[in-house]
Amino acid sequence: MSIATILQRKGRDVIQVQPTDSVLAVVRLLADQKIGCVPVVEDGRVVGIFSERDLVYRVSLDGAAALERSVGEVMTAPAITIDDQTPVMSGLSLMTRRRIRHLPVVVDGVLAGMISIGDLVKFRIDTIESEAAALRDYIQTA
């Protein structure tokens, strides 16, 4: 199964910001939307990703002045991305290896969705439960 399957279920809408947006404005957006990160997009291309972790690192260096910076100065760049044909297990492996929780999905250079480690874990659990139910049904009819 590929990432495309997950995006079909959850949708492809992604809250995104521009590199010129202020850190304070983006932090407010994260809080309002109850999300942990956003892709930073310029001219339709993902140029980075801004997460709670980026904020913590920058505040540890600059204190409250970090909120006055632009997201482009603070974001993680380049963003680690995947495409919609990436297998789910490859996405999970990448997230584990790189110690990240979110991946922008890019198709033909354009942002096509966003997945979280929670999306991938939920998909795997649903798949395993479905397979277990099919095996139980098979055993009961044998």
N, C-alpha and C. Protein backbone atom coordinates (compact mmCIF):
# COMPACT_ATOMS: atom_id res chain seq x y z
N MET A 1 0.83 -1.18 0.00
CA MET A 1 0.00 0.00 0.00
C MET A 1 0.88 1.25 0.00
N SER A 2 0.41 2.26 -0.69
CA SER A 2 1.19 3.48 -0.82
C SER A 2 0.55 4.64 -0.04
N ILE A 3 1.30 5.71 0.05
CA ILE A 3 0.85 6.92 0.72
C ILE A 3 -0.41 7.48 0.05
N ALA A 4 -0.57 7.25 -1.26
CA ALA A 4 -1.76 7.72 -1.98
C ALA A 4 -3.03 7.19 -1.33
N THR A 5 -3.00 5.96 -0.84
CA THR A 5 -4.17 5.35 -0.19
C THR A 5 -4.55 6.14 1.06
N ILE A 6 -3.57 6.54 1.83
CA ILE A 6 -3.83 7.32 3.05
C ILE A 6 -4.39 8.69 2.68
N LEU A 7 -3.80 9.32 1.67
CA LEU A 7 -4.28 10.65 1.27
C LEU A 7 -5.71 10.60 0.73
N GLN A 8 -6.08 9.50 0.08
CA GLN A 8 -7.46 9.37 -0.39
C GLN A 8 -8.43 9.37 0.78
N ARG A 9 -8.03 8.74 1.87
CA ARG A 9 -8.90 8.65 3.05
C ARG A 9 -8.94 9.95 3.85
N LYS A 10 -7.78 10.58 4.05
CA LYS A 10 -7.74 11.75 4.94
C LYS A 10 -7.89 13.07 4.20
N GLY A 11 -7.65 13.06 2.91
CA GLY A 11 -7.74 14.28 2.13
C GLY A 11 -6.38 14.87 1.86
N ARG A 12 -6.36 15.81 0.94
CA ARG A 12 -5.10 16.40 0.51
C ARG A 12 -4.96 17.87 0.91
N ASP A 13 -5.93 18.39 1.65
CA ASP A 13 -5.84 19.79 2.08
C ASP A 13 -4.74 19.94 3.12
N VAL A 14 -3.92 20.96 2.94
CA VAL A 14 -2.80 21.18 3.85
C VAL A 14 -2.73 22.66 4.20
N ILE A 15 -2.68 22.94 5.49
CA ILE A 15 -2.43 24.30 5.94
C ILE A 15 -0.95 24.56 5.68
N GLN A 16 -0.65 25.68 5.05
CA GLN A 16 0.73 25.98 4.71
C GLN A 16 1.02 27.45 4.94
N VAL A 17 2.30 27.77 5.03
CA VAL A 17 2.73 29.15 5.26
C VAL A 17 3.80 29.51 4.25
N GLN A 18 4.13 30.79 4.21
CA GLN A 18 5.18 31.28 3.32
C GLN A 18 6.42 31.62 4.14
N PRO A 19 7.60 31.59 3.53
CA PRO A 19 8.82 31.87 4.28
C PRO A 19 8.86 33.29 4.86
N THR A 20 8.09 34.21 4.32
CA THR A 20 8.09 35.59 4.81
C THR A 20 7.16 35.78 6.01
N ASP A 21 6.32 34.81 6.33
CA ASP A 21 5.43 34.92 7.48
C ASP A 21 6.25 34.98 8.77
N SER A 22 5.76 35.72 9.74
CA SER A 22 6.49 35.83 11.01
C SER A 22 6.30 34.55 11.83
N VAL A 23 7.31 34.26 12.63
CA VAL A 23 7.23 33.09 13.50
C VAL A 23 6.02 33.22 14.43
N LEU A 24 5.79 34.40 14.97
CA LEU A 24 4.66 34.60 15.87
C LEU A 24 3.34 34.27 15.18
N ALA A 25 3.16 34.75 13.96
CA ALA A 25 1.92 34.47 13.23
C ALA A 25 1.75 32.97 12.99
N VAL A 26 2.83 32.28 12.68
CA VAL A 26 2.75 30.85 12.41
C VAL A 26 2.52 30.06 13.70
N VAL A 27 3.13 30.50 14.79
CA VAL A 27 2.89 29.85 16.08
C VAL A 27 1.41 29.98 16.46
N ARG A 28 0.84 31.14 16.22
CA ARG A 28 -0.60 31.32 16.49
C ARG A 28 -1.44 30.40 15.60
N LEU A 29 -1.03 30.25 14.35
CA LEU A 29 -1.73 29.35 13.43
C LEU A 29 -1.66 27.91 13.93
N LEU A 30 -0.48 27.47 14.35
CA LEU A 30 -0.33 26.11 14.90
C LEU A 30 -1.26 25.91 16.09
N ALA A 31 -1.29 26.89 16.99
CA ALA A 31 -2.14 26.79 18.18
C ALA A 31 -3.62 26.78 17.80
N ASP A 32 -4.03 27.68 16.90
CA ASP A 32 -5.44 27.75 16.49
C ASP A 32 -5.90 26.47 15.82
N GLN A 33 -5.04 25.90 14.99
CA GLN A 33 -5.41 24.70 14.23
C GLN A 33 -5.12 23.40 14.99
N LYS A 34 -4.44 23.53 16.14
CA LYS A 34 -4.07 22.37 16.96
C LYS A 34 -3.24 21.37 16.14
N ILE A 35 -2.21 21.91 15.48
CA ILE A 35 -1.30 21.09 14.68
C ILE A 35 0.13 21.33 15.13
N GLY A 36 1.02 20.42 14.79
CA GLY A 36 2.39 20.50 15.25
C GLY A 36 3.38 21.07 14.27
N CYS A 37 3.00 21.16 13.01
CA CYS A 37 3.93 21.72 12.02
C CYS A 37 3.17 22.11 10.76
N VAL A 38 3.86 22.89 9.93
CA VAL A 38 3.31 23.30 8.64
C VAL A 38 4.43 23.29 7.60
N PRO A 39 4.09 22.93 6.38
CA PRO A 39 5.09 23.08 5.32
C PRO A 39 5.21 24.55 4.96
N VAL A 40 6.41 24.95 4.61
CA VAL A 40 6.67 26.31 4.17
C VAL A 40 6.77 26.25 2.65
N VAL A 41 5.87 26.97 1.99
CA VAL A 41 5.71 26.85 0.54
C VAL A 41 5.93 28.21 -0.12
N GLU A 42 6.68 28.18 -1.21
CA GLU A 42 6.94 29.38 -1.99
C GLU A 42 6.77 29.03 -3.46
N ASP A 43 5.90 29.76 -4.14
CA ASP A 43 5.60 29.50 -5.55
C ASP A 43 5.20 28.05 -5.79
N GLY A 44 4.41 27.49 -4.87
CA GLY A 44 3.90 26.13 -5.02
C GLY A 44 4.88 25.03 -4.65
N ARG A 45 6.09 25.39 -4.29
CA ARG A 45 7.13 24.41 -3.96
C ARG A 45 7.41 24.41 -2.46
N VAL A 46 7.60 23.23 -1.90
CA VAL A 46 7.94 23.11 -0.48
C VAL A 46 9.41 23.48 -0.32
N VAL A 47 9.66 24.55 0.42
CA VAL A 47 11.04 25.01 0.63
C VAL A 47 11.55 24.67 2.03
N GLY A 48 10.65 24.23 2.89
CA GLY A 48 11.04 23.87 4.25
C GLY A 48 9.84 23.41 5.04
N ILE A 49 10.07 23.16 6.30
CA ILE A 49 8.99 22.78 7.20
C ILE A 49 9.25 23.48 8.54
N PHE A 50 8.19 23.95 9.17
CA PHE A 50 8.31 24.63 10.46
C PHE A 50 7.52 23.83 11.48
N SER A 51 8.20 23.44 12.55
CA SER A 51 7.54 22.64 13.58
C SER A 51 7.77 23.24 14.96
N GLU A 52 7.08 22.67 15.92
CA GLU A 52 7.26 23.08 17.30
C GLU A 52 8.73 22.96 17.70
N ARG A 53 9.39 21.94 17.18
CA ARG A 53 10.81 21.71 17.49
C ARG A 53 11.67 22.88 16.99
N ASP A 54 11.36 23.39 15.79
CA ASP A 54 12.10 24.54 15.27
C ASP A 54 11.94 25.75 16.19
N LEU A 55 10.72 25.94 16.69
CA LEU A 55 10.47 27.05 17.61
C LEU A 55 11.28 26.91 18.89
N VAL A 56 11.28 25.72 19.45
CA VAL A 56 12.01 25.48 20.69
C VAL A 56 13.51 25.76 20.50
N TYR A 57 14.07 25.25 19.42
CA TYR A 57 15.49 25.48 19.17
C TYR A 57 15.80 26.96 19.03
N ARG A 58 14.97 27.68 18.27
CA ARG A 58 15.25 29.10 18.04
C ARG A 58 15.05 29.92 19.30
N VAL A 59 14.02 29.61 20.09
CA VAL A 59 13.80 30.35 21.33
C VAL A 59 14.96 30.10 22.29
N SER A 60 15.52 28.89 22.27
CA SER A 60 16.66 28.61 23.15
C SER A 60 17.87 29.46 22.77
N LEU A 61 17.97 29.84 21.50
CA LEU A 61 19.08 30.67 21.04
C LEU A 61 18.82 32.16 21.19
N ASP A 62 17.60 32.59 20.79
CA ASP A 62 17.30 34.02 20.69
C ASP A 62 16.33 34.55 21.73
N GLY A 63 15.76 33.69 22.53
CA GLY A 63 14.74 34.12 23.47
C GLY A 63 13.49 34.60 22.74
N ALA A 64 12.79 35.54 23.33
CA ALA A 64 11.54 36.03 22.76
C ALA A 64 11.73 36.69 21.39
N ALA A 65 12.93 37.15 21.09
CA ALA A 65 13.20 37.77 19.79
C ALA A 65 12.97 36.79 18.64
N ALA A 66 12.99 35.50 18.94
CA ALA A 66 12.75 34.50 17.89
C ALA A 66 11.39 34.68 17.24
N LEU A 67 10.43 35.18 18.01
CA LEU A 67 9.07 35.36 17.48
C LEU A 67 8.99 36.44 16.42
N GLU A 68 9.99 37.31 16.39
CA GLU A 68 10.00 38.41 15.42
C GLU A 68 10.66 38.02 14.09
N ARG A 69 11.28 36.87 14.05
CA ARG A 69 11.95 36.42 12.83
C ARG A 69 10.93 35.92 11.81
N SER A 70 11.39 35.76 10.59
CA SER A 70 10.53 35.15 9.57
C SER A 70 10.67 33.64 9.67
N VAL A 71 9.66 32.93 9.26
CA VAL A 71 9.70 31.48 9.29
C VAL A 71 10.83 30.96 8.41
N GLY A 72 11.11 31.65 7.32
CA GLY A 72 12.20 31.25 6.44
C GLY A 72 13.55 31.21 7.12
N GLU A 73 13.73 32.01 8.16
CA GLU A 73 14.99 32.03 8.90
C GLU A 73 15.08 30.89 9.92
N VAL A 74 13.94 30.35 10.30
CA VAL A 74 13.86 29.41 11.43
C VAL A 74 13.54 27.98 10.99
N MET A 75 12.91 27.83 9.85
CA MET A 75 12.43 26.53 9.38
C MET A 75 13.56 25.53 9.16
N THR A 76 13.20 24.28 9.12
CA THR A 76 14.12 23.22 8.74
C THR A 76 14.08 23.13 7.21
N ALA A 77 15.24 23.26 6.61
CA ALA A 77 15.31 23.22 5.14
C ALA A 77 16.58 22.51 4.71
N PRO A 78 16.51 21.75 3.66
CA PRO A 78 15.30 21.44 2.91
C PRO A 78 14.42 20.46 3.70
N ALA A 79 13.15 20.48 3.40
CA ALA A 79 12.22 19.55 4.06
C ALA A 79 12.44 18.15 3.51
N ILE A 80 12.32 17.18 4.38
CA ILE A 80 12.33 15.79 3.94
C ILE A 80 10.93 15.52 3.42
N THR A 81 10.81 15.05 2.19
CA THR A 81 9.51 14.81 1.58
C THR A 81 9.45 13.40 1.01
N ILE A 82 8.23 12.99 0.70
CA ILE A 82 8.01 11.73 -0.01
C ILE A 82 7.00 12.00 -1.11
N ASP A 83 6.83 11.02 -2.00
CA ASP A 83 5.78 11.16 -3.01
C ASP A 83 4.63 10.22 -2.67
N ASP A 84 3.55 10.33 -3.40
CA ASP A 84 2.37 9.55 -3.06
C ASP A 84 2.48 8.08 -3.42
N GLN A 85 3.53 7.68 -4.12
CA GLN A 85 3.74 6.27 -4.45
C GLN A 85 4.66 5.57 -3.46
N THR A 86 5.14 6.30 -2.47
CA THR A 86 6.00 5.71 -1.45
C THR A 86 5.20 4.69 -0.65
N PRO A 87 5.73 3.49 -0.45
CA PRO A 87 5.03 2.51 0.39
C PRO A 87 4.92 3.00 1.83
N VAL A 88 3.83 2.64 2.48
CA VAL A 88 3.58 3.06 3.86
C VAL A 88 4.74 2.67 4.77
N MET A 89 5.22 1.45 4.65
CA MET A 89 6.31 1.00 5.52
C MET A 89 7.59 1.80 5.27
N SER A 90 7.82 2.22 4.05
CA SER A 90 8.99 3.05 3.76
C SER A 90 8.85 4.42 4.43
N GLY A 91 7.63 4.95 4.42
CA GLY A 91 7.37 6.22 5.11
C GLY A 91 7.60 6.10 6.61
N LEU A 92 7.11 5.01 7.20
CA LEU A 92 7.33 4.79 8.63
C LEU A 92 8.81 4.65 8.95
N SER A 93 9.51 3.92 8.12
CA SER A 93 10.94 3.72 8.32
C SER A 93 11.70 5.04 8.23
N LEU A 94 11.36 5.86 7.24
CA LEU A 94 12.00 7.15 7.08
C LEU A 94 11.76 8.04 8.30
N MET A 95 10.53 8.07 8.77
CA MET A 95 10.21 8.89 9.93
C MET A 95 10.98 8.42 11.17
N THR A 96 11.09 7.12 11.32
CA THR A 96 11.81 6.57 12.47
C THR A 96 13.30 6.90 12.38
N ARG A 97 13.89 6.68 11.21
CA ARG A 97 15.32 6.94 11.02
C ARG A 97 15.67 8.41 11.23
N ARG A 98 14.84 9.29 10.69
CA ARG A 98 15.13 10.73 10.74
C ARG A 98 14.56 11.41 11.97
N ARG A 99 13.82 10.66 12.78
CA ARG A 99 13.22 11.17 14.02
C ARG A 99 12.32 12.37 13.75
N ILE A 100 11.42 12.19 12.79
CA ILE A 100 10.46 13.23 12.44
C ILE A 100 9.05 12.67 12.55
N ARG A 101 8.08 13.57 12.66
CA ARG A 101 6.69 13.13 12.86
C ARG A 101 5.77 13.52 11.71
N HIS A 102 6.27 14.32 10.77
CA HIS A 102 5.43 14.78 9.66
C HIS A 102 6.23 14.76 8.36
N LEU A 103 5.55 14.42 7.27
CA LEU A 103 6.18 14.42 5.96
C LEU A 103 5.27 15.09 4.94
N PRO A 104 5.76 16.13 4.29
CA PRO A 104 5.01 16.67 3.15
C PRO A 104 5.06 15.64 2.01
N VAL A 105 3.95 15.51 1.33
CA VAL A 105 3.87 14.63 0.16
C VAL A 105 3.94 15.53 -1.07
N VAL A 106 4.94 15.30 -1.89
CA VAL A 106 5.18 16.14 -3.06
C VAL A 106 5.06 15.28 -4.31
N VAL A 107 4.25 15.76 -5.25
CA VAL A 107 4.06 15.07 -6.53
C VAL A 107 4.36 16.07 -7.64
N ASP A 108 5.27 15.70 -8.51
CA ASP A 108 5.69 16.58 -9.61
C ASP A 108 6.14 17.95 -9.11
N GLY A 109 6.83 17.95 -7.97
CA GLY A 109 7.36 19.19 -7.42
C GLY A 109 6.38 20.04 -6.65
N VAL A 110 5.12 19.62 -6.56
CA VAL A 110 4.07 20.42 -5.92
C VAL A 110 3.52 19.69 -4.69
N LEU A 111 3.24 20.44 -3.63
CA LEU A 111 2.68 19.88 -2.40
C LEU A 111 1.34 19.21 -2.71
N ALA A 112 1.22 17.93 -2.36
CA ALA A 112 0.01 17.17 -2.65
C ALA A 112 -0.69 16.67 -1.39
N GLY A 113 -0.09 16.88 -0.23
CA GLY A 113 -0.68 16.42 1.01
C GLY A 113 0.35 16.42 2.11
N MET A 114 -0.08 15.99 3.28
CA MET A 114 0.80 15.93 4.44
C MET A 114 0.38 14.71 5.24
N ILE A 115 1.37 13.93 5.69
CA ILE A 115 1.04 12.79 6.54
C ILE A 115 1.83 12.89 7.83
N SER A 116 1.24 12.34 8.87
CA SER A 116 1.91 12.30 10.17
C SER A 116 2.21 10.85 10.52
N ILE A 117 3.05 10.68 11.50
CA ILE A 117 3.34 9.32 11.93
C ILE A 117 2.06 8.67 12.47
N GLY A 118 1.18 9.48 13.06
CA GLY A 118 -0.11 8.96 13.52
C GLY A 118 -0.96 8.41 12.38
N ASP A 119 -0.94 9.10 11.23
CA ASP A 119 -1.68 8.61 10.06
C ASP A 119 -1.16 7.24 9.63
N LEU A 120 0.16 7.09 9.61
CA LEU A 120 0.76 5.83 9.16
C LEU A 120 0.53 4.71 10.16
N VAL A 121 0.65 5.01 11.44
CA VAL A 121 0.41 3.98 12.46
C VAL A 121 -1.05 3.55 12.43
N LYS A 122 -1.96 4.49 12.31
CA LYS A 122 -3.39 4.15 12.24
C LYS A 122 -3.67 3.27 11.03
N PHE A 123 -3.08 3.60 9.90
CA PHE A 123 -3.27 2.80 8.69
C PHE A 123 -2.77 1.37 8.91
N ARG A 124 -1.58 1.23 9.50
CA ARG A 124 -1.02 -0.10 9.76
C ARG A 124 -1.91 -0.89 10.72
N ILE A 125 -2.40 -0.26 11.78
CA ILE A 125 -3.26 -0.95 12.74
C ILE A 125 -4.55 -1.39 12.06
N ASP A 126 -5.17 -0.50 11.27
CA ASP A 126 -6.40 -0.85 10.55
C ASP A 126 -6.16 -2.03 9.61
N THR A 127 -5.02 -2.02 8.92
CA THR A 127 -4.70 -3.11 7.99
C THR A 127 -4.53 -4.43 8.74
N ILE A 128 -3.81 -4.39 9.84
CA ILE A 128 -3.58 -5.61 10.63
C ILE A 128 -4.89 -6.14 11.19
N GLU A 129 -5.74 -5.25 11.70
CA GLU A 129 -7.04 -5.68 12.23
C GLU A 129 -7.91 -6.28 11.14
N SER A 130 -7.88 -5.71 9.96
CA SER A 130 -8.65 -6.23 8.83
C SER A 130 -8.16 -7.61 8.42
N GLU A 131 -6.84 -7.77 8.37
CA GLU A 131 -6.27 -9.08 8.02
C GLU A 131 -6.62 -10.13 9.08
N ALA A 132 -6.57 -9.75 10.35
CA ALA A 132 -6.91 -10.67 11.44
C ALA A 132 -8.37 -11.09 11.35
N ALA A 133 -9.26 -10.15 11.04
CA ALA A 133 -10.69 -10.47 10.90
C ALA A 133 -10.90 -11.42 9.72
N ALA A 134 -10.20 -11.19 8.63
CA ALA A 134 -10.33 -12.07 7.46
C ALA A 134 -9.84 -13.48 7.80
N LEU A 135 -8.76 -13.58 8.55
CA LEU A 135 -8.26 -14.90 8.96
C LEU A 135 -9.24 -15.60 9.90
N ARG A 136 -9.83 -14.84 10.84
CA ARG A 136 -10.82 -15.43 11.74
C ARG A 136 -12.02 -15.95 10.95
N ASP A 137 -12.49 -15.17 10.00
CA ASP A 137 -13.62 -15.60 9.17
C ASP A 137 -13.26 -16.85 8.38
N TYR A 138 -12.07 -16.92 7.86
CA TYR A 138 -11.62 -18.06 7.07
C TYR A 138 -11.57 -19.32 7.95
N ILE A 139 -11.01 -19.16 9.15
CA ILE A 139 -10.89 -20.31 10.07
C ILE A 139 -12.28 -20.79 10.49
N GLN A 140 -13.21 -19.88 10.73
CA GLN A 140 -14.55 -20.27 11.17
C GLN A 140 -15.34 -20.98 10.07
N THR A 141 -15.04 -20.67 8.82
CA THR A 141 -15.77 -21.31 7.72
C THR A 141 -15.10 -22.57 7.22
N ALA A 142 -13.90 -22.88 7.75
CA ALA A 142 -13.16 -24.06 7.28
C ALA A 142 -13.64 -25.31 7.99
